[in-house]
Amino acid sequence: MRFMSLIRINEDNVPEGGPSPELMEEMGKLIEEMTKAGVMLDTGGLRPTSEGTRLRWNHGELTVTDGPFTETKEFIGGYAIVQAKSKEEAIEWTKRFLKVHGDEWDLTCELRQVEEAEL
């Protein structure tokens, strides 16, 4: 079973200077552990919303809006795709990911199972 974790961050509450070197080191250790365990398939942080573009299709009308998206306080700051034996296992790995960030971060992870296509 594959799961996608969407990491949501409130742009107003990001710690000054972003992730600390200590956080990056601990994150690296966790990602290495997950990769060796065969759980981590892909992960990455996303560039700021100021560099993004939002496309919307609404009843036949297409709109394209360049960032930043001021009406949105919370944005997707990164993602991970993991492979787990169960949803419970994916939740446990996601909990560990969140806890690595320490008390100064305010994060939400939305964990969703990937729909497997029948070929």
PDB file of N, CA and C in Angstrom:
ATOM      1  N   MET A   1       0.845  -1.173   0.000  1.00  0.00           N
ATOM      2  CA  MET A   1       0.000   0.000   0.000  1.00  0.00           C
ATOM      3  C   MET A   1       0.894   1.241   0.000  1.00  0.00           C
ATOM      4  N   ARG A   2       0.560   2.154  -0.895  1.00  0.00           N
ATOM      5  CA  ARG A   2       1.302   3.414  -0.941  1.00  0.00           C
ATOM      6  C   ARG A   2       0.439   4.532  -0.358  1.00  0.00           C
ATOM      7  N   PHE A   3       1.109   5.448   0.323  1.00  0.00           N
ATOM      8  CA  PHE A   3       0.436   6.583   0.947  1.00  0.00           C
ATOM      9  C   PHE A   3       1.191   7.856   0.590  1.00  0.00           C
ATOM     10  N   MET A   4       0.433   8.933   0.404  1.00  0.00           N
ATOM     11  CA  MET A   4       1.044  10.242   0.207  1.00  0.00           C
ATOM     12  C   MET A   4       0.752  11.089   1.439  1.00  0.00           C
ATOM     13  N   SER A   5       1.803  11.672   1.949  1.00  0.00           N
ATOM     14  CA  SER A   5       1.686  12.584   3.076  1.00  0.00           C
ATOM     15  C   SER A   5       1.905  13.983   2.548  1.00  0.00           C
ATOM     16  N   LEU A   6       0.908  14.839   2.726  1.00  0.00           N
ATOM     17  CA  LEU A   6       0.997  16.243   2.318  1.00  0.00           C
ATOM     18  C   LEU A   6       1.246  17.064   3.574  1.00  0.00           C
ATOM     19  N   ILE A   7       2.381  17.724   3.624  1.00  0.00           N
ATOM     20  CA  ILE A   7       2.775  18.465   4.806  1.00  0.00           C
ATOM     21  C   ILE A   7       2.310  19.906   4.667  1.00  0.00           C
ATOM     22  N   ARG A   8       1.377  20.297   5.520  1.00  0.00           N
ATOM     23  CA  ARG A   8       0.808  21.644   5.473  1.00  0.00           C
ATOM     24  C   ARG A   8       1.479  22.522   6.527  1.00  0.00           C
ATOM     25  N   ILE A   9       1.817  23.740   6.106  1.00  0.00           N
ATOM     26  CA  ILE A   9       2.512  24.695   6.965  1.00  0.00           C
ATOM     27  C   ILE A   9       1.770  26.025   6.905  1.00  0.00           C
ATOM     28  N   ASN A  10       1.665  26.692   8.032  1.00  0.00           N
ATOM     29  CA  ASN A  10       1.123  28.043   8.073  1.00  0.00           C
ATOM     30  C   ASN A  10       2.283  28.997   7.815  1.00  0.00           C
ATOM     31  N   GLU A  11       2.227  29.729   6.706  1.00  0.00           N
ATOM     32  CA  GLU A  11       3.335  30.612   6.325  1.00  0.00           C
ATOM     33  C   GLU A  11       3.647  31.657   7.388  1.00  0.00           C
ATOM     34  N   ASP A  12       2.661  32.034   8.191  1.00  0.00           N
ATOM     35  CA  ASP A  12       2.874  33.048   9.220  1.00  0.00           C
ATOM     36  C   ASP A  12       3.599  32.492  10.446  1.00  0.00           C
ATOM     37  N   ASN A  13       3.695  31.163  10.570  1.00  0.00           N
ATOM     38  CA  ASN A  13       4.271  30.559  11.768  1.00  0.00           C
ATOM     39  C   ASN A  13       5.532  29.745  11.503  1.00  0.00           C
ATOM     40  N   VAL A  14       6.200  29.984  10.381  1.00  0.00           N
ATOM     41  CA  VAL A  14       7.453  29.283  10.090  1.00  0.00           C
ATOM     42  C   VAL A  14       8.540  29.894  10.955  1.00  0.00           C
ATOM     43  N   PRO A  15       9.332  29.069  11.649  1.00  0.00           N
ATOM     44  CA  PRO A  15      10.407  29.626  12.485  1.00  0.00           C
ATOM     45  C   PRO A  15      11.361  30.489  11.671  1.00  0.00           C
ATOM     46  N   GLU A  16      11.844  31.547  12.306  1.00  0.00           N
ATOM     47  CA  GLU A  16      12.786  32.471  11.668  1.00  0.00           C
ATOM     48  C   GLU A  16      13.976  31.688  11.114  1.00  0.00           C
ATOM     49  N   GLY A  17      14.288  31.904   9.850  1.00  0.00           N
ATOM     50  CA  GLY A  17      15.422  31.222   9.229  1.00  0.00           C
ATOM     51  C   GLY A  17      15.093  29.841   8.687  1.00  0.00           C
ATOM     52  N   GLY A  18      13.859  29.394   8.859  1.00  0.00           N
ATOM     53  CA  GLY A  18      13.471  28.076   8.340  1.00  0.00           C
ATOM     54  C   GLY A  18      14.043  26.938   9.156  1.00  0.00           C
ATOM     55  N   PRO A  19      14.193  25.777   8.543  1.00  0.00           N
ATOM     56  CA  PRO A  19      14.692  24.605   9.279  1.00  0.00           C
ATOM     57  C   PRO A  19      16.128  24.813   9.766  1.00  0.00           C
ATOM     58  N   SER A  20      16.370  24.435  10.993  1.00  0.00           N
ATOM     59  CA  SER A  20      17.713  24.557  11.573  1.00  0.00           C
ATOM     60  C   SER A  20      18.609  23.434  11.033  1.00  0.00           C
ATOM     61  N   PRO A  21      19.929  23.617  11.129  1.00  0.00           N
ATOM     62  CA  PRO A  21      20.841  22.534  10.731  1.00  0.00           C
ATOM     63  C   PRO A  21      20.585  21.244  11.525  1.00  0.00           C
ATOM     64  N   GLU A  22      20.218  21.385  12.803  1.00  0.00           N
ATOM     65  CA  GLU A  22      19.925  20.213  13.631  1.00  0.00           C
ATOM     66  C   GLU A  22      18.695  19.471  13.118  1.00  0.00           C
ATOM     67  N   LEU A  23      17.661  20.239  12.736  1.00  0.00           N
ATOM     68  CA  LEU A  23      16.464  19.618  12.178  1.00  0.00           C
ATOM     69  C   LEU A  23      16.803  18.879  10.885  1.00  0.00           C
ATOM     70  N   MET A  24      17.566  19.512  10.025  1.00  0.00           N
ATOM     71  CA  MET A  24      17.930  18.887   8.757  1.00  0.00           C
ATOM     72  C   MET A  24      18.733  17.599   8.983  1.00  0.00           C
ATOM     73  N   GLU A  25      19.598  17.602   9.993  1.00  0.00           N
ATOM     74  CA  GLU A  25      20.380  16.403  10.311  1.00  0.00           C
ATOM     75  C   GLU A  25      19.461  15.280  10.807  1.00  0.00           C
ATOM     76  N   GLU A  26      18.553  15.612  11.729  1.00  0.00           N
ATOM     77  CA  GLU A  26      17.624  14.600  12.249  1.00  0.00           C
ATOM     78  C   GLU A  26      16.686  14.096  11.149  1.00  0.00           C
ATOM     79  N   MET A  27      16.239  15.003  10.288  1.00  0.00           N
ATOM     80  CA  MET A  27      15.382  14.623   9.168  1.00  0.00           C
ATOM     81  C   MET A  27      16.133  13.662   8.237  1.00  0.00           C
ATOM     82  N   GLY A  28      17.396  13.979   7.974  1.00  0.00           N
ATOM     83  CA  GLY A  28      18.220  13.113   7.128  1.00  0.00           C
ATOM     84  C   GLY A  28      18.346  11.714   7.699  1.00  0.00           C
ATOM     85  N   LYS A  29      18.543  11.618   9.018  1.00  0.00           N
ATOM     86  CA  LYS A  29      18.643  10.305   9.677  1.00  0.00           C
ATOM     87  C   LYS A  29      17.344   9.524   9.532  1.00  0.00           C
ATOM     88  N   LEU A  30      16.207  10.187   9.742  1.00  0.00           N
ATOM     89  CA  LEU A  30      14.912   9.510   9.637  1.00  0.00           C
ATOM     90  C   LEU A  30      14.658   9.063   8.200  1.00  0.00           C
ATOM     91  N   ILE A  31      14.953   9.918   7.238  1.00  0.00           N
ATOM     92  CA  ILE A  31      14.739   9.558   5.829  1.00  0.00           C
ATOM     93  C   ILE A  31      15.638   8.393   5.445  1.00  0.00           C
ATOM     94  N   GLU A  32      16.872   8.385   5.930  1.00  0.00           N
ATOM     95  CA  GLU A  32      17.779   7.266   5.654  1.00  0.00           C
ATOM     96  C   GLU A  32      17.225   5.969   6.253  1.00  0.00           C
ATOM     97  N   GLU A  33      16.729   6.034   7.491  1.00  0.00           N
ATOM     98  CA  GLU A  33      16.139   4.858   8.136  1.00  0.00           C
ATOM     99  C   GLU A  33      14.929   4.348   7.351  1.00  0.00           C
ATOM    100  N   MET A  34      14.077   5.272   6.919  1.00  0.00           N
ATOM    101  CA  MET A  34      12.878   4.893   6.169  1.00  0.00           C
ATOM    102  C   MET A  34      13.255   4.297   4.803  1.00  0.00           C
ATOM    103  N   THR A  35      14.291   4.845   4.177  1.00  0.00           N
ATOM    104  CA  THR A  35      14.739   4.338   2.881  1.00  0.00           C
ATOM    105  C   THR A  35      15.301   2.932   3.023  1.00  0.00           C
ATOM    106  N   LYS A  36      16.144   2.710   4.044  1.00  0.00           N
ATOM    107  CA  LYS A  36      16.713   1.373   4.286  1.00  0.00           C
ATOM    108  C   LYS A  36      15.636   0.352   4.620  1.00  0.00           C
ATOM    109  N   ALA A  37      14.554   0.803   5.275  1.00  0.00           N
ATOM    110  CA  ALA A  37      13.452  -0.093   5.633  1.00  0.00           C
ATOM    111  C   ALA A  37      12.535  -0.365   4.440  1.00  0.00           C
ATOM    112  N   GLY A  38      12.778   0.325   3.309  1.00  0.00           N
ATOM    113  CA  GLY A  38      11.952   0.135   2.123  1.00  0.00           C
ATOM    114  C   GLY A  38      10.626   0.871   2.186  1.00  0.00           C
ATOM    115  N   VAL A  39      10.511   1.822   3.106  1.00  0.00           N
ATOM    116  CA  VAL A  39       9.260   2.552   3.311  1.00  0.00           C
ATOM    117  C   VAL A  39       9.215   3.823   2.461  1.00  0.00           C
ATOM    118  N   MET A  40      10.305   4.578   2.431  1.00  0.00           N
ATOM    119  CA  MET A  40      10.329   5.863   1.728  1.00  0.00           C
ATOM    120  C   MET A  40      10.511   5.640   0.228  1.00  0.00           C
ATOM    121  N   LEU A  41       9.551   6.083  -0.554  1.00  0.00           N
ATOM    122  CA  LEU A  41       9.641   5.999  -2.004  1.00  0.00           C
ATOM    123  C   LEU A  41      10.090   7.323  -2.609  1.00  0.00           C
ATOM    124  N   ASP A  42       9.603   8.436  -2.067  1.00  0.00           N
ATOM    125  CA  ASP A  42       9.972   9.756  -2.574  1.00  0.00           C
ATOM    126  C   ASP A  42       9.582  10.802  -1.531  1.00  0.00           C
ATOM    127  N   THR A  43      10.334  11.879  -1.472  1.00  0.00           N
ATOM    128  CA  THR A  43      10.010  12.973  -0.569  1.00  0.00           C
ATOM    129  C   THR A  43      10.653  14.253  -1.081  1.00  0.00           C
ATOM    130  N   GLY A  44      10.112  15.373  -0.680  1.00  0.00           N
ATOM    131  CA  GLY A  44      10.709  16.638  -1.071  1.00  0.00           C
ATOM    132  C   GLY A  44       9.966  17.816  -0.476  1.00  0.00           C
ATOM    133  N   GLY A  45      10.697  18.889  -0.323  1.00  0.00           N
ATOM    134  CA  GLY A  45      10.086  20.148   0.081  1.00  0.00           C
ATOM    135  C   GLY A  45       9.680  20.912  -1.169  1.00  0.00           C
ATOM    136  N   LEU A  46       8.761  21.831  -1.015  1.00  0.00           N
ATOM    137  CA  LEU A  46       8.282  22.624  -2.139  1.00  0.00           C
ATOM    138  C   LEU A  46       8.735  24.068  -1.992  1.00  0.00           C
ATOM    139  N   ARG A  47       8.988  24.713  -3.103  1.00  0.00           N
ATOM    140  CA  ARG A  47       9.394  26.110  -3.132  1.00  0.00           C
ATOM    141  C   ARG A  47       8.251  26.981  -2.589  1.00  0.00           C
ATOM    142  N   PRO A  48       8.531  28.218  -2.191  1.00  0.00           N
ATOM    143  CA  PRO A  48       7.509  29.096  -1.615  1.00  0.00           C
ATOM    144  C   PRO A  48       6.344  29.354  -2.581  1.00  0.00           C
ATOM    145  N   THR A  49       5.182  29.668  -2.022  1.00  0.00           N
ATOM    146  CA  THR A  49       4.005  29.951  -2.841  1.00  0.00           C
ATOM    147  C   THR A  49       4.224  31.166  -3.736  1.00  0.00           C
ATOM    148  N   SER A  50       5.127  32.051  -3.354  1.00  0.00           N
ATOM    149  CA  SER A  50       5.405  33.230  -4.187  1.00  0.00           C
ATOM    150  C   SER A  50       5.956  32.836  -5.556  1.00  0.00           C
ATOM    151  N   GLU A  51       6.490  31.616  -5.664  1.00  0.00           N
ATOM    152  CA  GLU A  51       7.036  31.130  -6.925  1.00  0.00           C
ATOM    153  C   GLU A  51       6.073  30.185  -7.647  1.00  0.00           C
ATOM    154  N   GLY A  52       4.911  29.956  -7.064  1.00  0.00           N
ATOM    155  CA  GLY A  52       3.966  28.999  -7.629  1.00  0.00           C
ATOM    156  C   GLY A  52       2.912  29.625  -8.516  1.00  0.00           C
ATOM    157  N   THR A  53       2.173  28.775  -9.188  1.00  0.00           N
ATOM    158  CA  THR A  53       1.044  29.176 -10.019  1.00  0.00           C
ATOM    159  C   THR A  53      -0.112  28.242  -9.715  1.00  0.00           C
ATOM    160  N   ARG A  54      -1.290  28.800  -9.554  1.00  0.00           N
ATOM    161  CA  ARG A  54      -2.495  28.011  -9.288  1.00  0.00           C
ATOM    162  C   ARG A  54      -3.374  28.054 -10.533  1.00  0.00           C
ATOM    163  N   LEU A  55      -3.745  26.864 -11.014  1.00  0.00           N
ATOM    164  CA  LEU A  55      -4.644  26.747 -12.161  1.00  0.00           C
ATOM    165  C   LEU A  55      -5.954  26.157 -11.673  1.00  0.00           C
ATOM    166  N   ARG A  56      -7.061  26.746 -12.124  1.00  0.00           N
ATOM    167  CA  ARG A  56      -8.368  26.263 -11.682  1.00  0.00           C
ATOM    168  C   ARG A  56      -9.284  26.108 -12.884  1.00  0.00           C
ATOM    169  N   TRP A  57      -9.964  24.971 -12.927  1.00  0.00           N
ATOM    170  CA  TRP A  57     -10.980  24.694 -13.942  1.00  0.00           C
ATOM    171  C   TRP A  57     -12.312  24.718 -13.223  1.00  0.00           C
ATOM    172  N   ASN A  58     -13.182  25.667 -13.579  1.00  0.00           N
ATOM    173  CA  ASN A  58     -14.456  25.826 -12.895  1.00  0.00           C
ATOM    174  C   ASN A  58     -15.564  25.942 -13.935  1.00  0.00           C
ATOM    175  N   HIS A  59     -16.291  24.841 -14.148  1.00  0.00           N
ATOM    176  CA  HIS A  59     -17.433  24.821 -15.065  1.00  0.00           C
ATOM    177  C   HIS A  59     -17.091  25.417 -16.431  1.00  0.00           C
ATOM    178  N   GLY A  60     -15.982  24.942 -17.017  1.00  0.00           N
ATOM    179  CA  GLY A  60     -15.619  25.371 -18.357  1.00  0.00           C
ATOM    180  C   GLY A  60     -14.773  26.619 -18.435  1.00  0.00           C
ATOM    181  N   GLU A  61     -14.446  27.219 -17.301  1.00  0.00           N
ATOM    182  CA  GLU A  61     -13.625  28.428 -17.299  1.00  0.00           C
ATOM    183  C   GLU A  61     -12.301  28.145 -16.605  1.00  0.00           C
ATOM    184  N   LEU A  62     -11.205  28.441 -17.283  1.00  0.00           N
ATOM    185  CA  LEU A  62      -9.870  28.225 -16.748  1.00  0.00           C
ATOM    186  C   LEU A  62      -9.295  29.547 -16.256  1.00  0.00           C
ATOM    187  N   THR A  63      -8.804  29.552 -15.015  1.00  0.00           N
ATOM    188  CA  THR A  63      -8.099  30.724 -14.493  1.00  0.00           C
ATOM    189  C   THR A  63      -6.700  30.292 -14.067  1.00  0.00           C
ATOM    190  N   VAL A  64      -5.756  31.200 -14.251  1.00  0.00           N
ATOM    191  CA  VAL A  64      -4.363  30.973 -13.875  1.00  0.00           C
ATOM    192  C   VAL A  64      -3.947  32.134 -12.991  1.00  0.00           C
ATOM    193  N   THR A  65      -3.483  31.829 -11.770  1.00  0.00           N
ATOM    194  CA  THR A  65      -3.101  32.853 -10.803  1.00  0.00           C
ATOM    195  C   THR A  65      -1.685  32.594 -10.331  1.00  0.00           C
ATOM    196  N   ASP A  66      -0.822  33.606 -10.453  1.00  0.00           N
ATOM    197  CA  ASP A  66       0.537  33.490  -9.931  1.00  0.00           C
ATOM    198  C   ASP A  66       0.533  33.755  -8.442  1.00  0.00           C
ATOM    199  N   GLY A  67       1.433  33.082  -7.718  1.00  0.00           N
ATOM    200  CA  GLY A  67       1.569  33.274  -6.288  1.00  0.00           C
ATOM    201  C   GLY A  67       2.252  34.597  -5.981  1.00  0.00           C
ATOM    202  N   PRO A  68       2.293  35.002  -4.723  1.00  0.00           N
ATOM    203  CA  PRO A  68       1.797  34.227  -3.578  1.00  0.00           C
ATOM    204  C   PRO A  68       0.282  34.262  -3.485  1.00  0.00           C
ATOM    205  N   PHE A  69      -0.254  33.299  -2.786  1.00  0.00           N
ATOM    206  CA  PHE A  69      -1.700  33.164  -2.645  1.00  0.00           C
ATOM    207  C   PHE A  69      -2.097  33.711  -1.282  1.00  0.00           C
ATOM    208  N   THR A  70      -2.329  35.020  -1.234  1.00  0.00           N
ATOM    209  CA  THR A  70      -2.538  35.721   0.035  1.00  0.00           C
ATOM    210  C   THR A  70      -3.794  35.280   0.771  1.00  0.00           C
ATOM    211  N   GLU A  71      -4.775  34.738   0.055  1.00  0.00           N
ATOM    212  CA  GLU A  71      -6.003  34.297   0.721  1.00  0.00           C
ATOM    213  C   GLU A  71      -5.818  32.978   1.454  1.00  0.00           C
ATOM    214  N   THR A  72      -4.666  32.340   1.275  1.00  0.00           N
ATOM    215  CA  THR A  72      -4.408  31.046   1.897  1.00  0.00           C
ATOM    216  C   THR A  72      -3.345  31.205   2.971  1.00  0.00           C
ATOM    217  N   LYS A  73      -3.672  30.890   4.211  1.00  0.00           N
ATOM    218  CA  LYS A  73      -2.697  30.945   5.298  1.00  0.00           C
ATOM    219  C   LYS A  73      -1.865  29.663   5.344  1.00  0.00           C
ATOM    220  N   GLU A  74      -2.508  28.534   5.055  1.00  0.00           N
ATOM    221  CA  GLU A  74      -1.852  27.242   5.140  1.00  0.00           C
ATOM    222  C   GLU A  74      -1.532  26.757   3.732  1.00  0.00           C
ATOM    223  N   PHE A  75      -0.325  26.257   3.523  1.00  0.00           N
ATOM    224  CA  PHE A  75       0.065  25.777   2.207  1.00  0.00           C
ATOM    225  C   PHE A  75       0.794  24.453   2.336  1.00  0.00           C
ATOM    226  N   ILE A  76       0.893  23.733   1.221  1.00  0.00           N
ATOM    227  CA  ILE A  76       1.616  22.465   1.206  1.00  0.00           C
ATOM    228  C   ILE A  76       3.096  22.801   1.063  1.00  0.00           C
ATOM    229  N   GLY A  77       3.866  22.462   2.078  1.00  0.00           N
ATOM    230  CA  GLY A  77       5.282  22.787   2.107  1.00  0.00           C
ATOM    231  C   GLY A  77       6.170  21.637   1.671  1.00  0.00           C
ATOM    232  N   GLY A  78       5.599  20.435   1.587  1.00  0.00           N
ATOM    233  CA  GLY A  78       6.377  19.275   1.185  1.00  0.00           C
ATOM    234  C   GLY A  78       5.481  18.061   1.092  1.00  0.00           C
ATOM    235  N   TYR A  79       6.087  16.963   0.702  1.00  0.00           N
ATOM    236  CA  TYR A  79       5.332  15.729   0.540  1.00  0.00           C
ATOM    237  C   TYR A  79       6.250  14.533   0.784  1.00  0.00           C
ATOM    238  N   ALA A  80       5.644  13.403   1.017  1.00  0.00           N
ATOM    239  CA  ALA A  80       6.369  12.137   1.077  1.00  0.00           C
ATOM    240  C   ALA A  80       5.446  11.057   0.527  1.00  0.00           C
ATOM    241  N   ILE A  81       6.023  10.131  -0.208  1.00  0.00           N
ATOM    242  CA  ILE A  81       5.278   8.960  -0.658  1.00  0.00           C
ATOM    243  C   ILE A  81       5.942   7.762   0.013  1.00  0.00           C
ATOM    244  N   VAL A  82       5.160   7.052   0.806  1.00  0.00           N
ATOM    245  CA  VAL A  82       5.689   5.901   1.544  1.00  0.00           C
ATOM    246  C   VAL A  82       4.932   4.642   1.148  1.00  0.00           C
ATOM    247  N   GLN A  83       5.616   3.532   1.341  1.00  0.00           N
ATOM    248  CA  GLN A  83       5.011   2.220   1.110  1.00  0.00           C
ATOM    249  C   GLN A  83       4.965   1.515   2.451  1.00  0.00           C
ATOM    250  N   ALA A  84       3.783   1.111   2.858  1.00  0.00           N
ATOM    251  CA  ALA A  84       3.618   0.497   4.174  1.00  0.00           C
ATOM    252  C   ALA A  84       2.696  -0.714   4.061  1.00  0.00           C
ATOM    253  N   LYS A  85       2.776  -1.582   5.061  1.00  0.00           N
ATOM    254  CA  LYS A  85       1.930  -2.777   5.088  1.00  0.00           C
ATOM    255  C   LYS A  85       0.494  -2.445   5.461  1.00  0.00           C
ATOM    256  N   SER A  86       0.321  -1.294   6.142  1.00  0.00           N
ATOM    257  CA  SER A  86      -1.018  -0.922   6.603  1.00  0.00           C
ATOM    258  C   SER A  86      -1.074   0.591   6.801  1.00  0.00           C
ATOM    259  N   LYS A  87      -2.290   1.088   6.936  1.00  0.00           N
ATOM    260  CA  LYS A  87      -2.467   2.515   7.229  1.00  0.00           C
ATOM    261  C   LYS A  87      -1.851   2.842   8.588  1.00  0.00           C
ATOM    262  N   GLU A  88      -1.991   1.925   9.542  1.00  0.00           N
ATOM    263  CA  GLU A  88      -1.439   2.148  10.879  1.00  0.00           C
ATOM    264  C   GLU A  88       0.077   2.328  10.835  1.00  0.00           C
ATOM    265  N   GLU A  89       0.764   1.516  10.012  1.00  0.00           N
ATOM    266  CA  GLU A  89       2.213   1.654   9.883  1.00  0.00           C
ATOM    267  C   GLU A  89       2.567   3.009   9.264  1.00  0.00           C
ATOM    268  N   ALA A  90       1.827   3.417   8.235  1.00  0.00           N
ATOM    269  CA  ALA A  90       2.067   4.721   7.605  1.00  0.00           C
ATOM    270  C   ALA A  90       1.858   5.850   8.608  1.00  0.00           C
ATOM    271  N   ILE A  91       0.855   5.728   9.459  1.00  0.00           N
ATOM    272  CA  ILE A  91       0.594   6.734  10.495  1.00  0.00           C
ATOM    273  C   ILE A  91       1.765   6.802  11.474  1.00  0.00           C
ATOM    274  N   GLU A  92       2.306   5.673  11.869  1.00  0.00           N
ATOM    275  CA  GLU A  92       3.429   5.667  12.813  1.00  0.00           C
ATOM    276  C   GLU A  92       4.660   6.366  12.230  1.00  0.00           C
ATOM    277  N   TRP A  93       4.978   6.110  10.958  1.00  0.00           N
ATOM    278  CA  TRP A  93       6.100   6.795  10.327  1.00  0.00           C
ATOM    279  C   TRP A  93       5.830   8.298  10.242  1.00  0.00           C
ATOM    280  N   THR A  94       4.597   8.675   9.927  1.00  0.00           N
ATOM    281  CA  THR A  94       4.244  10.093   9.817  1.00  0.00           C
ATOM    282  C   THR A  94       4.352  10.785  11.175  1.00  0.00           C
ATOM    283  N   LYS A  95       3.965  10.104  12.237  1.00  0.00           N
ATOM    284  CA  LYS A  95       4.120  10.661  13.590  1.00  0.00           C
ATOM    285  C   LYS A  95       5.583  10.948  13.881  1.00  0.00           C
ATOM    286  N   ARG A  96       6.455  10.020  13.518  1.00  0.00           N
ATOM    287  CA  ARG A  96       7.889  10.216  13.746  1.00  0.00           C
ATOM    288  C   ARG A  96       8.409  11.406  12.947  1.00  0.00           C
ATOM    289  N   PHE A  97       7.940  11.532  11.721  1.00  0.00           N
ATOM    290  CA  PHE A  97       8.333  12.668  10.881  1.00  0.00           C
ATOM    291  C   PHE A  97       7.950  13.986  11.556  1.00  0.00           C
ATOM    292  N   LEU A  98       6.725  14.079  12.044  1.00  0.00           N
ATOM    293  CA  LEU A  98       6.265  15.317  12.687  1.00  0.00           C
ATOM    294  C   LEU A  98       7.068  15.621  13.949  1.00  0.00           C
ATOM    295  N   LYS A  99       7.321  14.619  14.771  1.00  0.00           N
ATOM    296  CA  LYS A  99       8.010  14.818  16.044  1.00  0.00           C
ATOM    297  C   LYS A  99       9.449  15.284  15.870  1.00  0.00           C
ATOM    298  N   VAL A 100      10.094  14.931  14.748  1.00  0.00           N
ATOM    299  CA  VAL A 100      11.465  15.364  14.482  1.00  0.00           C
ATOM    300  C   VAL A 100      11.553  16.890  14.462  1.00  0.00           C
ATOM    301  N   HIS A 101      10.466  17.563  14.108  1.00  0.00           N
ATOM    302  CA  HIS A 101      10.473  19.017  13.953  1.00  0.00           C
ATOM    303  C   HIS A 101      10.563  19.785  15.267  1.00  0.00           C
ATOM    304  N   GLY A 102      10.264  19.156  16.386  1.00  0.00           N
ATOM    305  CA  GLY A 102      10.361  19.856  17.661  1.00  0.00           C
ATOM    306  C   GLY A 102       9.189  20.795  17.898  1.00  0.00           C
ATOM    307  N   ASP A 103       9.257  21.514  19.006  1.00  0.00           N
ATOM    308  CA  ASP A 103       8.148  22.339  19.482  1.00  0.00           C
ATOM    309  C   ASP A 103       7.940  23.641  18.705  1.00  0.00           C
ATOM    310  N   GLU A 104       8.953  24.106  17.976  1.00  0.00           N
ATOM    311  CA  GLU A 104       8.834  25.412  17.324  1.00  0.00           C
ATOM    312  C   GLU A 104       8.031  25.387  16.025  1.00  0.00           C
ATOM    313  N   TRP A 105       7.708  24.213  15.517  1.00  0.00           N
ATOM    314  CA  TRP A 105       6.983  24.102  14.249  1.00  0.00           C
ATOM    315  C   TRP A 105       5.505  23.822  14.485  1.00  0.00           C
ATOM    316  N   ASP A 106       4.661  24.339  13.597  1.00  0.00           N
ATOM    317  CA  ASP A 106       3.221  24.059  13.588  1.00  0.00           C
ATOM    318  C   ASP A 106       2.913  23.439  12.231  1.00  0.00           C
ATOM    319  N   LEU A 107       2.805  22.111  12.197  1.00  0.00           N
ATOM    320  CA  LEU A 107       2.614  21.363  10.953  1.00  0.00           C
ATOM    321  C   LEU A 107       1.363  20.506  11.020  1.00  0.00           C
ATOM    322  N   THR A 108       0.789  20.254   9.868  1.00  0.00           N
ATOM    323  CA  THR A 108      -0.302  19.290   9.727  1.00  0.00           C
ATOM    324  C   THR A 108       0.067  18.383   8.569  1.00  0.00           C
ATOM    325  N   CYS A 109      -0.058  17.090   8.763  1.00  0.00           N
ATOM    326  CA  CYS A 109       0.168  16.145   7.672  1.00  0.00           C
ATOM    327  C   CYS A 109      -1.155  15.496   7.316  1.00  0.00           C
ATOM    328  N   GLU A 110      -1.507  15.570   6.056  1.00  0.00           N
ATOM    329  CA  GLU A 110      -2.675  14.856   5.548  1.00  0.00           C
ATOM    330  C   GLU A 110      -2.147  13.589   4.899  1.00  0.00           C
ATOM    331  N   LEU A 111      -2.534  12.441   5.427  1.00  0.00           N
ATOM    332  CA  LEU A 111      -2.069  11.145   4.946  1.00  0.00           C
ATOM    333  C   LEU A 111      -3.183  10.495   4.147  1.00  0.00           C
ATOM    334  N   ARG A 112      -2.911  10.186   2.878  1.00  0.00           N
ATOM    335  CA  ARG A 112      -3.934   9.617   2.001  1.00  0.00           C
ATOM    336  C   ARG A 112      -3.368   8.426   1.262  1.00  0.00           C
ATOM    337  N   GLN A 113      -4.148   7.354   1.201  1.00  0.00           N
ATOM    338  CA  GLN A 113      -3.718   6.180   0.451  1.00  0.00           C
ATOM    339  C   GLN A 113      -3.811   6.463  -1.043  1.00  0.00           C
ATOM    340  N   VAL A 114      -2.812   6.011  -1.787  1.00  0.00           N
ATOM    341  CA  VAL A 114      -2.783   6.177  -3.229  1.00  0.00           C
ATOM    342  C   VAL A 114      -3.656   5.095  -3.861  1.00  0.00           C
ATOM    343  N   GLU A 115      -4.530   5.504  -4.752  1.00  0.00           N
ATOM    344  CA  GLU A 115      -5.397   4.569  -5.471  1.00  0.00           C
ATOM    345  C   GLU A 115      -4.518   3.801  -6.453  1.00  0.00           C
ATOM    346  N   GLU A 116      -4.479   2.497  -6.314  1.00  0.00           N
ATOM    347  CA  GLU A 116      -3.649   1.660  -7.182  1.00  0.00           C
ATOM    348  C   GLU A 116      -4.418   1.332  -8.456  1.00  0.00           C
ATOM    349  N   ALA A 117      -3.839   1.654  -9.602  1.00  0.00           N
ATOM    350  CA  ALA A 117      -4.479   1.408 -10.881  1.00  0.00           C
ATOM    351  C   ALA A 117      -4.323  -0.058 -11.274  1.00  0.00           C
ATOM    352  N   GLU A 118      -5.371  -0.623 -11.784  1.00  0.00           N
ATOM    353  CA  GLU A 118      -5.343  -1.989 -12.290  1.00  0.00           C
ATOM    354  C   GLU A 118      -4.847  -1.945 -13.725  1.00  0.00           C
ATOM    355  N   LEU A 119      -3.771  -2.653 -14.021  1.00  0.00           N
ATOM    356  CA  LEU A 119      -3.241  -2.660 -15.396  1.00  0.00           C
ATOM    357  C   LEU A 119      -3.551  -3.984 -16.071  1.00  0.00           C
TER     358      LEU A 119
END
